[in-house]
PDB file of N, CA and C in Angstrom:
ATOM      1  N   UNK A   1      50.984 -26.081  30.472  1.00  0.00           N
ATOM      2  CA  UNK A   1      51.869 -27.135  30.023  1.00  0.00           C
ATOM      3  C   UNK A   1      52.343 -26.885  28.590  1.00  0.00           C
ATOM      4  N   UNK A   2      51.430 -26.466  27.709  1.00  0.00           N
ATOM      5  CA  UNK A   2      51.823 -26.248  26.312  1.00  0.00           C
ATOM      6  C   UNK A   2      52.796 -25.077  26.188  1.00  0.00           C
ATOM      7  N   UNK A   3      52.707 -24.103  27.065  1.00  0.00           N
ATOM      8  CA  UNK A   3      53.666 -23.002  27.032  1.00  0.00           C
ATOM      9  C   UNK A   3      55.070 -23.495  27.372  1.00  0.00           C
ATOM     10  N   UNK A   4      55.137 -24.420  28.314  1.00  0.00           N
ATOM     11  CA  UNK A   4      56.426 -25.007  28.674  1.00  0.00           C
ATOM     12  C   UNK A   4      57.035 -25.770  27.504  1.00  0.00           C
ATOM     13  N   UNK A   5      56.220 -26.562  26.807  1.00  0.00           N
ATOM     14  CA  UNK A   5      56.703 -27.315  25.648  1.00  0.00           C
ATOM     15  C   UNK A   5      57.175 -26.379  24.550  1.00  0.00           C
ATOM     16  N   UNK A   6      56.413 -25.318  24.307  1.00  0.00           N
ATOM     17  CA  UNK A   6      56.784 -24.350  23.277  1.00  0.00           C
ATOM     18  C   UNK A   6      58.111 -23.679  23.626  1.00  0.00           C
ATOM     19  N   UNK A   7      58.298 -23.349  24.890  1.00  0.00           N
ATOM     20  CA  UNK A   7      59.548 -22.721  25.325  1.00  0.00           C
ATOM     21  C   UNK A   7      60.737 -23.655  25.094  1.00  0.00           C
ATOM     22  N   UNK A   8      60.587 -24.912  25.445  1.00  0.00           N
ATOM     23  CA  UNK A   8      61.669 -25.883  25.263  1.00  0.00           C
ATOM     24  C   UNK A   8      61.961 -26.092  23.782  1.00  0.00           C
ATOM     25  N   UNK A   9      60.920 -26.190  22.957  1.00  0.00           N
ATOM     26  CA  UNK A   9      61.112 -26.323  21.507  1.00  0.00           C
ATOM     27  C   UNK A   9      61.892 -25.142  20.950  1.00  0.00           C
ATOM     28  N   UNK A  10      61.521 -23.936  21.371  1.00  0.00           N
ATOM     29  CA  UNK A  10      62.198 -22.740  20.868  1.00  0.00           C
ATOM     30  C   UNK A  10      63.662 -22.695  21.284  1.00  0.00           C
ATOM     31  N   UNK A  11      63.975 -23.203  22.474  1.00  0.00           N
ATOM     32  CA  UNK A  11      65.350 -23.199  22.952  1.00  0.00           C
ATOM     33  C   UNK A  11      66.209 -24.244  22.233  1.00  0.00           C
ATOM     34  N   UNK A  12      65.613 -25.386  21.889  1.00  0.00           N
ATOM     35  CA  UNK A  12      66.375 -26.475  21.305  1.00  0.00           C
ATOM     36  C   UNK A  12      66.546 -26.385  19.795  1.00  0.00           C
ATOM     37  N   UNK A  13      65.606 -25.747  19.099  1.00  0.00           N
ATOM     38  CA  UNK A  13      65.707 -25.688  17.644  1.00  0.00           C
ATOM     39  C   UNK A  13      66.599 -24.539  17.213  1.00  0.00           C
ATOM     40  N   UNK A  14      67.364 -24.798  16.174  1.00  0.00           N
ATOM     41  CA  UNK A  14      68.214 -23.766  15.596  1.00  0.00           C
ATOM     42  C   UNK A  14      67.400 -23.028  14.552  1.00  0.00           C
ATOM     43  N   UNK A  15      67.262 -21.738  14.710  1.00  0.00           N
ATOM     44  CA  UNK A  15      66.479 -20.942  13.772  1.00  0.00           C
ATOM     45  C   UNK A  15      67.279 -20.717  12.498  1.00  0.00           C
ATOM     46  N   UNK A  16      66.697 -21.078  11.380  1.00  0.00           N
ATOM     47  CA  UNK A  16      67.344 -20.886  10.088  1.00  0.00           C
ATOM     48  C   UNK A  16      67.084 -19.465   9.598  1.00  0.00           C
ATOM     49  N   UNK A  17      68.037 -18.891   8.932  1.00  0.00           N
ATOM     50  CA  UNK A  17      67.922 -17.527   8.438  1.00  0.00           C
ATOM     51  C   UNK A  17      67.602 -17.568   6.941  1.00  0.00           C
ATOM     52  N   UNK A  18      66.351 -17.911   6.621  1.00  0.00           N
ATOM     53  CA  UNK A  18      65.914 -18.003   5.232  1.00  0.00           C
ATOM     54  C   UNK A  18      65.139 -16.747   4.857  1.00  0.00           C
ATOM     55  N   UNK A  19      65.084 -16.425   3.556  1.00  0.00           N
ATOM     56  CA  UNK A  19      64.277 -15.272   3.137  1.00  0.00           C
ATOM     57  C   UNK A  19      62.791 -15.550   3.335  1.00  0.00           C
ATOM     58  N   UNK A  20      62.011 -14.491   3.420  1.00  0.00           N
ATOM     59  CA  UNK A  20      60.567 -14.649   3.591  1.00  0.00           C
ATOM     60  C   UNK A  20      59.949 -15.004   2.247  1.00  0.00           C
ATOM     61  N   UNK A  21      59.142 -16.055   2.240  1.00  0.00           N
ATOM     62  CA  UNK A  21      58.430 -16.465   1.040  1.00  0.00           C
ATOM     63  C   UNK A  21      57.070 -16.983   1.460  1.00  0.00           C
ATOM     64  N   UNK A  22      56.169 -17.078   0.470  1.00  0.00           N
ATOM     65  CA  UNK A  22      54.799 -17.503   0.757  1.00  0.00           C
ATOM     66  C   UNK A  22      54.320 -18.419  -0.353  1.00  0.00           C
ATOM     67  N   UNK A  23      53.108 -18.886  -0.242  1.00  0.00           N
ATOM     68  CA  UNK A  23      52.529 -19.734  -1.278  1.00  0.00           C
ATOM     69  C   UNK A  23      52.442 -18.945  -2.581  1.00  0.00           C
ATOM     70  N   UNK A  24      52.787 -19.590  -3.680  1.00  0.00           N
ATOM     71  CA  UNK A  24      52.761 -18.948  -4.987  1.00  0.00           C
ATOM     72  C   UNK A  24      54.130 -18.526  -5.466  1.00  0.00           C
ATOM     73  N   UNK A  25      55.100 -18.455  -4.577  1.00  0.00           N
ATOM     74  CA  UNK A  25      56.461 -18.078  -4.968  1.00  0.00           C
ATOM     75  C   UNK A  25      57.185 -19.283  -5.573  1.00  0.00           C
ATOM     76  N   UNK A  26      58.020 -19.004  -6.559  1.00  0.00           N
ATOM     77  CA  UNK A  26      58.868 -20.043  -7.132  1.00  0.00           C
ATOM     78  C   UNK A  26      60.221 -19.972  -6.433  1.00  0.00           C
ATOM     79  N   UNK A  27      60.616 -21.071  -5.819  1.00  0.00           N
ATOM     80  CA  UNK A  27      61.845 -21.083  -5.037  1.00  0.00           C
ATOM     81  C   UNK A  27      62.762 -22.212  -5.492  1.00  0.00           C
ATOM     82  N   UNK A  28      64.046 -22.056  -5.184  1.00  0.00           N
ATOM     83  CA  UNK A  28      65.026 -23.119  -5.357  1.00  0.00           C
ATOM     84  C   UNK A  28      65.551 -23.465  -3.977  1.00  0.00           C
ATOM     85  N   UNK A  29      65.362 -24.714  -3.577  1.00  0.00           N
ATOM     86  CA  UNK A  29      65.828 -25.178  -2.276  1.00  0.00           C
ATOM     87  C   UNK A  29      67.113 -25.968  -2.497  1.00  0.00           C
ATOM     88  N   UNK A  30      68.190 -25.541  -1.873  1.00  0.00           N
ATOM     89  CA  UNK A  30      69.469 -26.246  -1.936  1.00  0.00           C
ATOM     90  C   UNK A  30      69.511 -27.183  -0.740  1.00  0.00           C
ATOM     91  N   UNK A  31      69.412 -28.499  -1.005  1.00  0.00           N
ATOM     92  CA  UNK A  31      69.234 -29.507   0.029  1.00  0.00           C
ATOM     93  C   UNK A  31      70.444 -30.421   0.078  1.00  0.00           C
ATOM     94  N   UNK A  32      71.032 -30.590   1.263  1.00  0.00           N
ATOM     95  CA  UNK A  32      72.203 -31.457   1.420  1.00  0.00           C
ATOM     96  C   UNK A  32      71.759 -32.914   1.464  1.00  0.00           C
ATOM     97  N   UNK A  33      72.452 -33.751   0.694  1.00  0.00           N
ATOM     98  CA  UNK A  33      72.146 -35.184   0.646  1.00  0.00           C
ATOM     99  C   UNK A  33      73.414 -35.950   0.986  1.00  0.00           C
ATOM    100  N   UNK A  34      73.307 -36.886   1.931  1.00  0.00           N
ATOM    101  CA  UNK A  34      74.440 -37.738   2.288  1.00  0.00           C
ATOM    102  C   UNK A  34      74.286 -39.074   1.579  1.00  0.00           C
ATOM    103  N   UNK A  35      75.330 -39.458   0.860  1.00  0.00           N
ATOM    104  CA  UNK A  35      75.363 -40.756   0.193  1.00  0.00           C
ATOM    105  C   UNK A  35      76.622 -41.460   0.640  1.00  0.00           C
ATOM    106  N   UNK A  36      76.487 -42.304   1.631  1.00  0.00           N
ATOM    107  CA  UNK A  36      77.650 -42.977   2.190  1.00  0.00           C
ATOM    108  C   UNK A  36      78.530 -41.984   2.919  1.00  0.00           C
ATOM    109  N   UNK A  37      79.775 -41.869   2.466  1.00  0.00           N
ATOM    110  CA  UNK A  37      80.722 -40.923   3.070  1.00  0.00           C
ATOM    111  C   UNK A  37      80.600 -39.530   2.460  1.00  0.00           C
ATOM    112  N   UNK A  38      80.070 -39.449   1.258  1.00  0.00           N
ATOM    113  CA  UNK A  38      80.028 -38.188   0.528  1.00  0.00           C
ATOM    114  C   UNK A  38      78.777 -37.382   0.890  1.00  0.00           C
ATOM    115  N   UNK A  39      78.889 -36.080   0.722  1.00  0.00           N
ATOM    116  CA  UNK A  39      77.753 -35.183   0.922  1.00  0.00           C
ATOM    117  C   UNK A  39      77.732 -34.211  -0.248  1.00  0.00           C
ATOM    118  N   UNK A  40      76.554 -34.040  -0.828  1.00  0.00           N
ATOM    119  CA  UNK A  40      76.424 -33.103  -1.948  1.00  0.00           C
ATOM    120  C   UNK A  40      75.167 -32.271  -1.757  1.00  0.00           C
ATOM    121  N   UNK A  41      75.066 -31.192  -2.530  1.00  0.00           N
ATOM    122  CA  UNK A  41      73.916 -30.307  -2.448  1.00  0.00           C
ATOM    123  C   UNK A  41      73.088 -30.475  -3.717  1.00  0.00           C
ATOM    124  N   UNK A  42      71.821 -30.781  -3.540  1.00  0.00           N
ATOM    125  CA  UNK A  42      70.914 -30.958  -4.671  1.00  0.00           C
ATOM    126  C   UNK A  42      69.926 -29.798  -4.692  1.00  0.00           C
ATOM    127  N   UNK A  43      69.645 -29.276  -5.884  1.00  0.00           N
ATOM    128  CA  UNK A  43      68.699 -28.175  -6.017  1.00  0.00           C
ATOM    129  C   UNK A  43      67.330 -28.718  -6.386  1.00  0.00           C
ATOM    130  N   UNK A  44      66.302 -28.172  -5.749  1.00  0.00           N
ATOM    131  CA  UNK A  44      64.921 -28.562  -6.021  1.00  0.00           C
ATOM    132  C   UNK A  44      64.151 -27.278  -6.270  1.00  0.00           C
ATOM    133  N   UNK A  45      63.748 -27.062  -7.523  1.00  0.00           N
ATOM    134  CA  UNK A  45      63.075 -25.815  -7.885  1.00  0.00           C
ATOM    135  C   UNK A  45      61.620 -26.086  -8.203  1.00  0.00           C
ATOM    136  N   UNK A  46      60.735 -25.270  -7.635  1.00  0.00           N
ATOM    137  CA  UNK A  46      59.315 -25.421  -7.899  1.00  0.00           C
ATOM    138  C   UNK A  46      58.514 -24.323  -7.218  1.00  0.00           C
ATOM    139  N   UNK A  47      57.209 -24.482  -7.262  1.00  0.00           N
ATOM    140  CA  UNK A  47      56.277 -23.499  -6.698  1.00  0.00           C
ATOM    141  C   UNK A  47      55.885 -23.935  -5.294  1.00  0.00           C
ATOM    142  N   UNK A  48      55.919 -23.005  -4.362  1.00  0.00           N
ATOM    143  CA  UNK A  48      55.473 -23.285  -3.001  1.00  0.00           C
ATOM    144  C   UNK A  48      53.952 -23.329  -3.029  1.00  0.00           C
ATOM    145  N   UNK A  49      53.362 -24.476  -2.669  1.00  0.00           N
ATOM    146  CA  UNK A  49      51.908 -24.573  -2.692  1.00  0.00           C
ATOM    147  C   UNK A  49      51.296 -24.428  -1.308  1.00  0.00           C
ATOM    148  N   UNK A  50      52.128 -24.533  -0.255  1.00  0.00           N
ATOM    149  CA  UNK A  50      51.599 -24.265   1.078  1.00  0.00           C
ATOM    150  C   UNK A  50      52.726 -24.081   2.071  1.00  0.00           C
ATOM    151  N   UNK A  51      52.429 -23.323   3.132  1.00  0.00           N
ATOM    152  CA  UNK A  51      53.278 -23.274   4.327  1.00  0.00           C
ATOM    153  C   UNK A  51      52.425 -23.836   5.436  1.00  0.00           C
ATOM    154  N   UNK A  52      53.010 -24.674   6.265  1.00  0.00           N
ATOM    155  CA  UNK A  52      52.224 -25.400   7.254  1.00  0.00           C
ATOM    156  C   UNK A  52      52.792 -25.180   8.646  1.00  0.00           C
ATOM    157  N   UNK A  53      51.929 -24.987   9.632  1.00  0.00           N
ATOM    158  CA  UNK A  53      52.276 -24.902  11.039  1.00  0.00           C
ATOM    159  C   UNK A  53      53.078 -23.635  11.329  1.00  0.00           C
ATOM    160  N   UNK A  54      53.689 -23.595  12.510  1.00  0.00           N
ATOM    161  CA  UNK A  54      54.528 -22.460  12.878  1.00  0.00           C
ATOM    162  C   UNK A  54      55.510 -22.911  13.950  1.00  0.00           C
ATOM    163  N   UNK A  55      56.516 -22.090  14.186  1.00  0.00           N
ATOM    164  CA  UNK A  55      57.495 -22.413  15.213  1.00  0.00           C
ATOM    165  C   UNK A  55      58.464 -23.492  14.772  1.00  0.00           C
ATOM    166  N   UNK A  56      58.757 -24.422  15.672  1.00  0.00           N
ATOM    167  CA  UNK A  56      59.767 -25.445  15.418  1.00  0.00           C
ATOM    168  C   UNK A  56      59.312 -26.477  14.399  1.00  0.00           C
ATOM    169  N   UNK A  57      58.007 -26.672  14.249  1.00  0.00           N
ATOM    170  CA  UNK A  57      57.498 -27.714  13.350  1.00  0.00           C
ATOM    171  C   UNK A  57      57.039 -27.152  12.004  1.00  0.00           C
ATOM    172  N   UNK A  58      57.423 -25.946  11.680  1.00  0.00           N
ATOM    173  CA  UNK A  58      56.975 -25.314  10.438  1.00  0.00           C
ATOM    174  C   UNK A  58      57.570 -26.021   9.228  1.00  0.00           C
ATOM    175  N   UNK A  59      56.761 -26.172   8.177  1.00  0.00           N
ATOM    176  CA  UNK A  59      57.220 -26.811   6.951  1.00  0.00           C
ATOM    177  C   UNK A  59      56.571 -26.129   5.754  1.00  0.00           C
ATOM    178  N   UNK A  60      57.084 -26.438   4.567  1.00  0.00           N
ATOM    179  CA  UNK A  60      56.497 -25.917   3.336  1.00  0.00           C
ATOM    180  C   UNK A  60      56.586 -26.993   2.269  1.00  0.00           C
ATOM    181  N   UNK A  61      55.623 -26.953   1.333  1.00  0.00           N
ATOM    182  CA  UNK A  61      55.536 -27.934   0.264  1.00  0.00           C
ATOM    183  C   UNK A  61      55.880 -27.263  -1.060  1.00  0.00           C
ATOM    184  N   UNK A  62      56.783 -27.886  -1.818  1.00  0.00           N
ATOM    185  CA  UNK A  62      57.196 -27.363  -3.121  1.00  0.00           C
ATOM    186  C   UNK A  62      56.778 -28.368  -4.177  1.00  0.00           C
ATOM    187  N   UNK A  63      56.148 -27.861  -5.249  1.00  0.00           N
ATOM    188  CA  UNK A  63      55.681 -28.716  -6.343  1.00  0.00           C
ATOM    189  C   UNK A  63      56.407 -28.338  -7.625  1.00  0.00           C
ATOM    190  N   UNK A  64      56.845 -29.363  -8.349  1.00  0.00           N
ATOM    191  CA  UNK A  64      57.447 -29.136  -9.659  1.00  0.00           C
ATOM    192  C   UNK A  64      56.972 -30.223 -10.610  1.00  0.00           C
ATOM    193  N   UNK A  65      57.164 -29.998 -11.903  1.00  0.00           N
ATOM    194  CA  UNK A  65      56.832 -30.984 -12.922  1.00  0.00           C
ATOM    195  C   UNK A  65      58.143 -31.596 -13.397  1.00  0.00           C
ATOM    196  N   UNK A  66      58.270 -32.916 -13.256  1.00  0.00           N
ATOM    197  CA  UNK A  66      59.470 -33.626 -13.666  1.00  0.00           C
ATOM    198  C   UNK A  66      59.064 -34.735 -14.631  1.00  0.00           C
ATOM    199  N   UNK A  67      59.515 -34.628 -15.884  1.00  0.00           N
ATOM    200  CA  UNK A  67      59.157 -35.588 -16.935  1.00  0.00           C
ATOM    201  C   UNK A  67      57.642 -35.728 -17.075  1.00  0.00           C
ATOM    202  N   UNK A  68      56.960 -34.605 -17.099  1.00  0.00           N
ATOM    203  CA  UNK A  68      55.499 -34.496 -17.233  1.00  0.00           C
ATOM    204  C   UNK A  68      54.736 -35.188 -16.099  1.00  0.00           C
ATOM    205  N   UNK A  69      55.386 -35.345 -14.956  1.00  0.00           N
ATOM    206  CA  UNK A  69      54.742 -35.896 -13.765  1.00  0.00           C
ATOM    207  C   UNK A  69      54.910 -34.886 -12.643  1.00  0.00           C
ATOM    208  N   UNK A  70      53.832 -34.554 -11.952  1.00  0.00           N
ATOM    209  CA  UNK A  70      53.904 -33.629 -10.834  1.00  0.00           C
ATOM    210  C   UNK A  70      54.566 -34.280  -9.627  1.00  0.00           C
ATOM    211  N   UNK A  71      55.549 -33.590  -9.053  1.00  0.00           N
ATOM    212  CA  UNK A  71      56.274 -34.106  -7.893  1.00  0.00           C
ATOM    213  C   UNK A  71      56.207 -33.057  -6.795  1.00  0.00           C
ATOM    214  N   UNK A  72      55.822 -33.481  -5.594  1.00  0.00           N
ATOM    215  CA  UNK A  72      55.769 -32.573  -4.457  1.00  0.00           C
ATOM    216  C   UNK A  72      56.726 -33.065  -3.387  1.00  0.00           C
ATOM    217  N   UNK A  73      57.352 -32.117  -2.707  1.00  0.00           N
ATOM    218  CA  UNK A  73      58.265 -32.468  -1.624  1.00  0.00           C
ATOM    219  C   UNK A  73      58.020 -31.519  -0.466  1.00  0.00           C
ATOM    220  N   UNK A  74      57.999 -32.076   0.730  1.00  0.00           N
ATOM    221  CA  UNK A  74      57.768 -31.295   1.937  1.00  0.00           C
ATOM    222  C   UNK A  74      59.106 -31.087   2.631  1.00  0.00           C
ATOM    223  N   UNK A  75      59.429 -29.824   2.930  1.00  0.00           N
ATOM    224  CA  UNK A  75      60.672 -29.484   3.603  1.00  0.00           C
ATOM    225  C   UNK A  75      60.359 -28.855   4.960  1.00  0.00           C
ATOM    226  N   UNK A  76      60.993 -29.325   6.040  1.00  0.00           N
ATOM    227  CA  UNK A  76      60.893 -28.605   7.311  1.00  0.00           C
ATOM    228  C   UNK A  76      61.708 -27.311   7.214  1.00  0.00           C
ATOM    229  N   UNK A  77      61.156 -26.204   7.686  1.00  0.00           N
ATOM    230  CA  UNK A  77      61.842 -24.915   7.569  1.00  0.00           C
ATOM    231  C   UNK A  77      63.142 -24.917   8.368  1.00  0.00           C
ATOM    232  N   UNK A  78      63.133 -25.513   9.545  1.00  0.00           N
ATOM    233  CA  UNK A  78      64.306 -25.483  10.411  1.00  0.00           C
ATOM    234  C   UNK A  78      65.225 -26.688  10.224  1.00  0.00           C
ATOM    235  N   UNK A  79      65.152 -27.340   9.083  1.00  0.00           N
ATOM    236  CA  UNK A  79      65.980 -28.516   8.833  1.00  0.00           C
ATOM    237  C   UNK A  79      67.453 -28.120   8.685  1.00  0.00           C
ATOM    238  N   UNK A  80      68.356 -28.847   9.330  1.00  0.00           N
ATOM    239  CA  UNK A  80      69.782 -28.546   9.148  1.00  0.00           C
ATOM    240  C   UNK A  80      70.292 -28.955   7.769  1.00  0.00           C
ATOM    241  N   UNK A  81      69.509 -29.732   7.013  1.00  0.00           N
ATOM    242  CA  UNK A  81      69.915 -30.176   5.684  1.00  0.00           C
ATOM    243  C   UNK A  81      69.633 -29.140   4.602  1.00  0.00           C
ATOM    244  N   UNK A  82      68.852 -28.118   4.892  1.00  0.00           N
ATOM    245  CA  UNK A  82      68.615 -27.058   3.908  1.00  0.00           C
ATOM    246  C   UNK A  82      69.797 -26.107   3.955  1.00  0.00           C
ATOM    247  N   UNK A  83      70.530 -26.047   2.835  1.00  0.00           N
ATOM    248  CA  UNK A  83      71.694 -25.177   2.741  1.00  0.00           C
ATOM    249  C   UNK A  83      71.249 -23.731   2.583  1.00  0.00           C
ATOM    250  N   UNK A  84      70.379 -23.497   1.591  1.00  0.00           N
ATOM    251  CA  UNK A  84      69.818 -22.159   1.410  1.00  0.00           C
ATOM    252  C   UNK A  84      68.570 -22.251   0.561  1.00  0.00           C
ATOM    253  N   UNK A  85      67.785 -21.182   0.596  1.00  0.00           N
ATOM    254  CA  UNK A  85      66.570 -21.077  -0.206  1.00  0.00           C
ATOM    255  C   UNK A  85      66.671 -19.799  -1.019  1.00  0.00           C
ATOM    256  N   UNK A  86      66.510 -19.922  -2.331  1.00  0.00           N
ATOM    257  CA  UNK A  86      66.520 -18.758  -3.215  1.00  0.00           C
ATOM    258  C   UNK A  86      65.115 -18.526  -3.736  1.00  0.00           C
ATOM    259  N   UNK A  87      64.694 -17.277  -3.763  1.00  0.00           N
ATOM    260  CA  UNK A  87      63.393 -16.934  -4.334  1.00  0.00           C
ATOM    261  C   UNK A  87      63.622 -16.507  -5.773  1.00  0.00           C
ATOM    262  N   UNK A  88      63.037 -17.252  -6.726  1.00  0.00           N
ATOM    263  CA  UNK A  88      63.208 -16.949  -8.143  1.00  0.00           C
ATOM    264  C   UNK A  88      62.143 -15.984  -8.651  1.00  0.00           C
ATOM    265  N   UNK A  89      60.888 -16.246  -8.295  1.00  0.00           N
ATOM    266  CA  UNK A  89      59.770 -15.391  -8.706  1.00  0.00           C
ATOM    267  C   UNK A  89      58.835 -15.209  -7.522  1.00  0.00           C
ATOM    268  N   UNK A  90      58.262 -14.035  -7.420  1.00  0.00           N
ATOM    269  CA  UNK A  90      57.250 -13.776  -6.396  1.00  0.00           C
ATOM    270  C   UNK A  90      55.901 -13.838  -7.089  1.00  0.00           C
ATOM    271  N   UNK A  91      55.069 -14.789  -6.693  1.00  0.00           N
ATOM    272  CA  UNK A  91      53.781 -14.988  -7.336  1.00  0.00           C
ATOM    273  C   UNK A  91      52.682 -14.160  -6.704  1.00  0.00           C
ATOM    274  N   UNK A  92      51.656 -13.882  -7.501  1.00  0.00           N
ATOM    275  CA  UNK A  92      50.482 -13.164  -7.021  1.00  0.00           C
ATOM    276  C   UNK A  92      49.338 -14.160  -6.936  1.00  0.00           C
ATOM    277  N   UNK A  93      48.962 -14.529  -5.724  1.00  0.00           N
ATOM    278  CA  UNK A  93      47.870 -15.466  -5.498  1.00  0.00           C
ATOM    279  C   UNK A  93      46.967 -14.918  -4.395  1.00  0.00           C
ATOM    280  N   UNK A  94      45.750 -15.428  -4.358  1.00  0.00           N
ATOM    281  CA  UNK A  94      44.793 -14.977  -3.360  1.00  0.00           C
ATOM    282  C   UNK A  94      44.529 -16.010  -2.282  1.00  0.00           C
ATOM    283  N   UNK A  95      45.253 -17.087  -2.312  1.00  0.00           N
ATOM    284  CA  UNK A  95      45.025 -18.175  -1.367  1.00  0.00           C
ATOM    285  C   UNK A  95      46.320 -18.538  -0.661  1.00  0.00           C
ATOM    286  N   UNK A  96      46.184 -19.183   0.488  1.00  0.00           N
ATOM    287  CA  UNK A  96      47.347 -19.621   1.249  1.00  0.00           C
ATOM    288  C   UNK A  96      47.756 -21.040   0.865  1.00  0.00           C
ATOM    289  N   UNK A  97      46.821 -21.802   0.314  1.00  0.00           N
ATOM    290  CA  UNK A  97      47.104 -23.186  -0.084  1.00  0.00           C
ATOM    291  C   UNK A  97      46.644 -23.365  -1.528  1.00  0.00           C
ATOM    292  N   UNK A  98      47.558 -23.744  -2.386  1.00  0.00           N
ATOM    293  CA  UNK A  98      47.302 -23.793  -3.827  1.00  0.00           C
ATOM    294  C   UNK A  98      47.128 -25.214  -4.329  1.00  0.00           C
ATOM    295  N   UNK A  99      46.273 -25.982  -3.683  1.00  0.00           N
ATOM    296  CA  UNK A  99      46.096 -27.375  -4.068  1.00  0.00           C
ATOM    297  C   UNK A  99      45.391 -27.517  -5.419  1.00  0.00           C
ATOM    298  N   UNK A 100      44.719 -26.468  -5.887  1.00  0.00           N
ATOM    299  CA  UNK A 100      44.037 -26.541  -7.170  1.00  0.00           C
ATOM    300  C   UNK A 100      45.022 -26.666  -8.328  1.00  0.00           C
ATOM    301  N   UNK A 101      46.277 -26.352  -8.110  1.00  0.00           N
ATOM    302  CA  UNK A 101      47.291 -26.457  -9.168  1.00  0.00           C
ATOM    303  C   UNK A 101      47.544 -27.911  -9.542  1.00  0.00           C
ATOM    304  N   UNK A 102      47.225 -28.829  -8.643  1.00  0.00           N
ATOM    305  CA  UNK A 102      47.447 -30.249  -8.922  1.00  0.00           C
ATOM    306  C   UNK A 102      46.632 -30.733 -10.112  1.00  0.00           C
ATOM    307  N   UNK A 103      45.469 -30.154 -10.338  1.00  0.00           N
ATOM    308  CA  UNK A 103      44.608 -30.567 -11.445  1.00  0.00           C
ATOM    309  C   UNK A 103      44.921 -29.826 -12.740  1.00  0.00           C
ATOM    310  N   UNK A 104      45.682 -28.741 -12.676  1.00  0.00           N
ATOM    311  CA  UNK A 104      45.960 -27.936 -13.856  1.00  0.00           C
ATOM    312  C   UNK A 104      47.226 -28.417 -14.553  1.00  0.00           C
ATOM    313  N   UNK A 105      47.254 -28.269 -15.887  1.00  0.00           N
ATOM    314  CA  UNK A 105      48.436 -28.636 -16.656  1.00  0.00           C
ATOM    315  C   UNK A 105      48.760 -27.522 -17.643  1.00  0.00           C
ATOM    316  N   UNK A 106      49.988 -27.499 -18.101  1.00  0.00           N
ATOM    317  CA  UNK A 106      50.408 -26.560 -19.140  1.00  0.00           C
ATOM    318  C   UNK A 106      50.362 -25.115 -18.697  1.00  0.00           C
ATOM    319  N   UNK A 107      49.871 -24.254 -19.598  1.00  0.00           N
ATOM    320  CA  UNK A 107      49.847 -22.828 -19.322  1.00  0.00           C
ATOM    321  C   UNK A 107      48.872 -22.460 -18.213  1.00  0.00           C
ATOM    322  N   UNK A 108      47.855 -23.280 -18.022  1.00  0.00           N
ATOM    323  CA  UNK A 108      46.874 -22.996 -16.979  1.00  0.00           C
ATOM    324  C   UNK A 108      47.480 -23.109 -15.577  1.00  0.00           C
ATOM    325  N   UNK A 109      48.566 -23.858 -15.447  1.00  0.00           N
ATOM    326  CA  UNK A 109      49.194 -24.068 -14.145  1.00  0.00           C
ATOM    327  C   UNK A 109      50.163 -22.946 -13.782  1.00  0.00           C
ATOM    328  N   UNK A 110      50.339 -21.969 -14.659  1.00  0.00           N
ATOM    329  CA  UNK A 110      51.248 -20.868 -14.352  1.00  0.00           C
ATOM    330  C   UNK A 110      50.641 -19.942 -13.314  1.00  0.00           C
ATOM    331  N   UNK A 111      51.497 -19.286 -12.561  1.00  0.00           N
ATOM    332  CA  UNK A 111      51.069 -18.322 -11.570  1.00  0.00           C
ATOM    333  C   UNK A 111      51.581 -16.960 -12.006  1.00  0.00           C
ATOM    334  N   UNK A 112      50.712 -15.950 -11.902  1.00  0.00           N
ATOM    335  CA  UNK A 112      51.094 -14.606 -12.312  1.00  0.00           C
ATOM    336  C   UNK A 112      52.239 -14.104 -11.437  1.00  0.00           C
ATOM    337  N   UNK A 113      53.193 -13.432 -12.076  1.00  0.00           N
ATOM    338  CA  UNK A 113      54.361 -12.930 -11.354  1.00  0.00           C
ATOM    339  C   UNK A 113      54.104 -11.498 -10.903  1.00  0.00           C
ATOM    340  N   UNK A 114      54.590 -11.177  -9.715  1.00  0.00           N
ATOM    341  CA  UNK A 114      54.424  -9.825  -9.186  1.00  0.00           C
ATOM    342  C   UNK A 114      55.269  -8.862  -9.989  1.00  0.00           C
ATOM    343  N   UNK A 115      54.682  -7.757 -10.405  1.00  0.00           N
ATOM    344  CA  UNK A 115      55.405  -6.769 -11.198  1.00  0.00           C
ATOM    345  C   UNK A 115      56.185  -5.853 -10.279  1.00  0.00           C
ATOM    346  N   UNK A 116      57.400  -5.552 -10.688  1.00  0.00           N
ATOM    347  CA  UNK A 116      58.283  -4.712  -9.853  1.00  0.00           C
ATOM    348  C   UNK A 116      57.930  -3.263  -9.962  1.00  0.00           C
TER     349      UNK A 116
END
């Protein structure tokens, strides 16, 4: 039964063509927002602290500091509202989920950048 559900999910969802990124990367998500009749694209830049699930229900969490307050936002990978995703920095981390960053502030919250 679950194979049947997975097949139907794969057929119905539109696969987004985003670059490959992982936890620790700094990304900019261009997200479409509808306000009444108008539609605009808002940029949300931060560190990916986790990727969750797989397939049609896959999502990722981006954390940023806004006015000295930590803000996290969860984006579905296959959302039609995501215009594009840009990778700004590739981070070097040893974990898949970076929840420990929530307790860190200032320079301690930085993630080492991968050297080219």
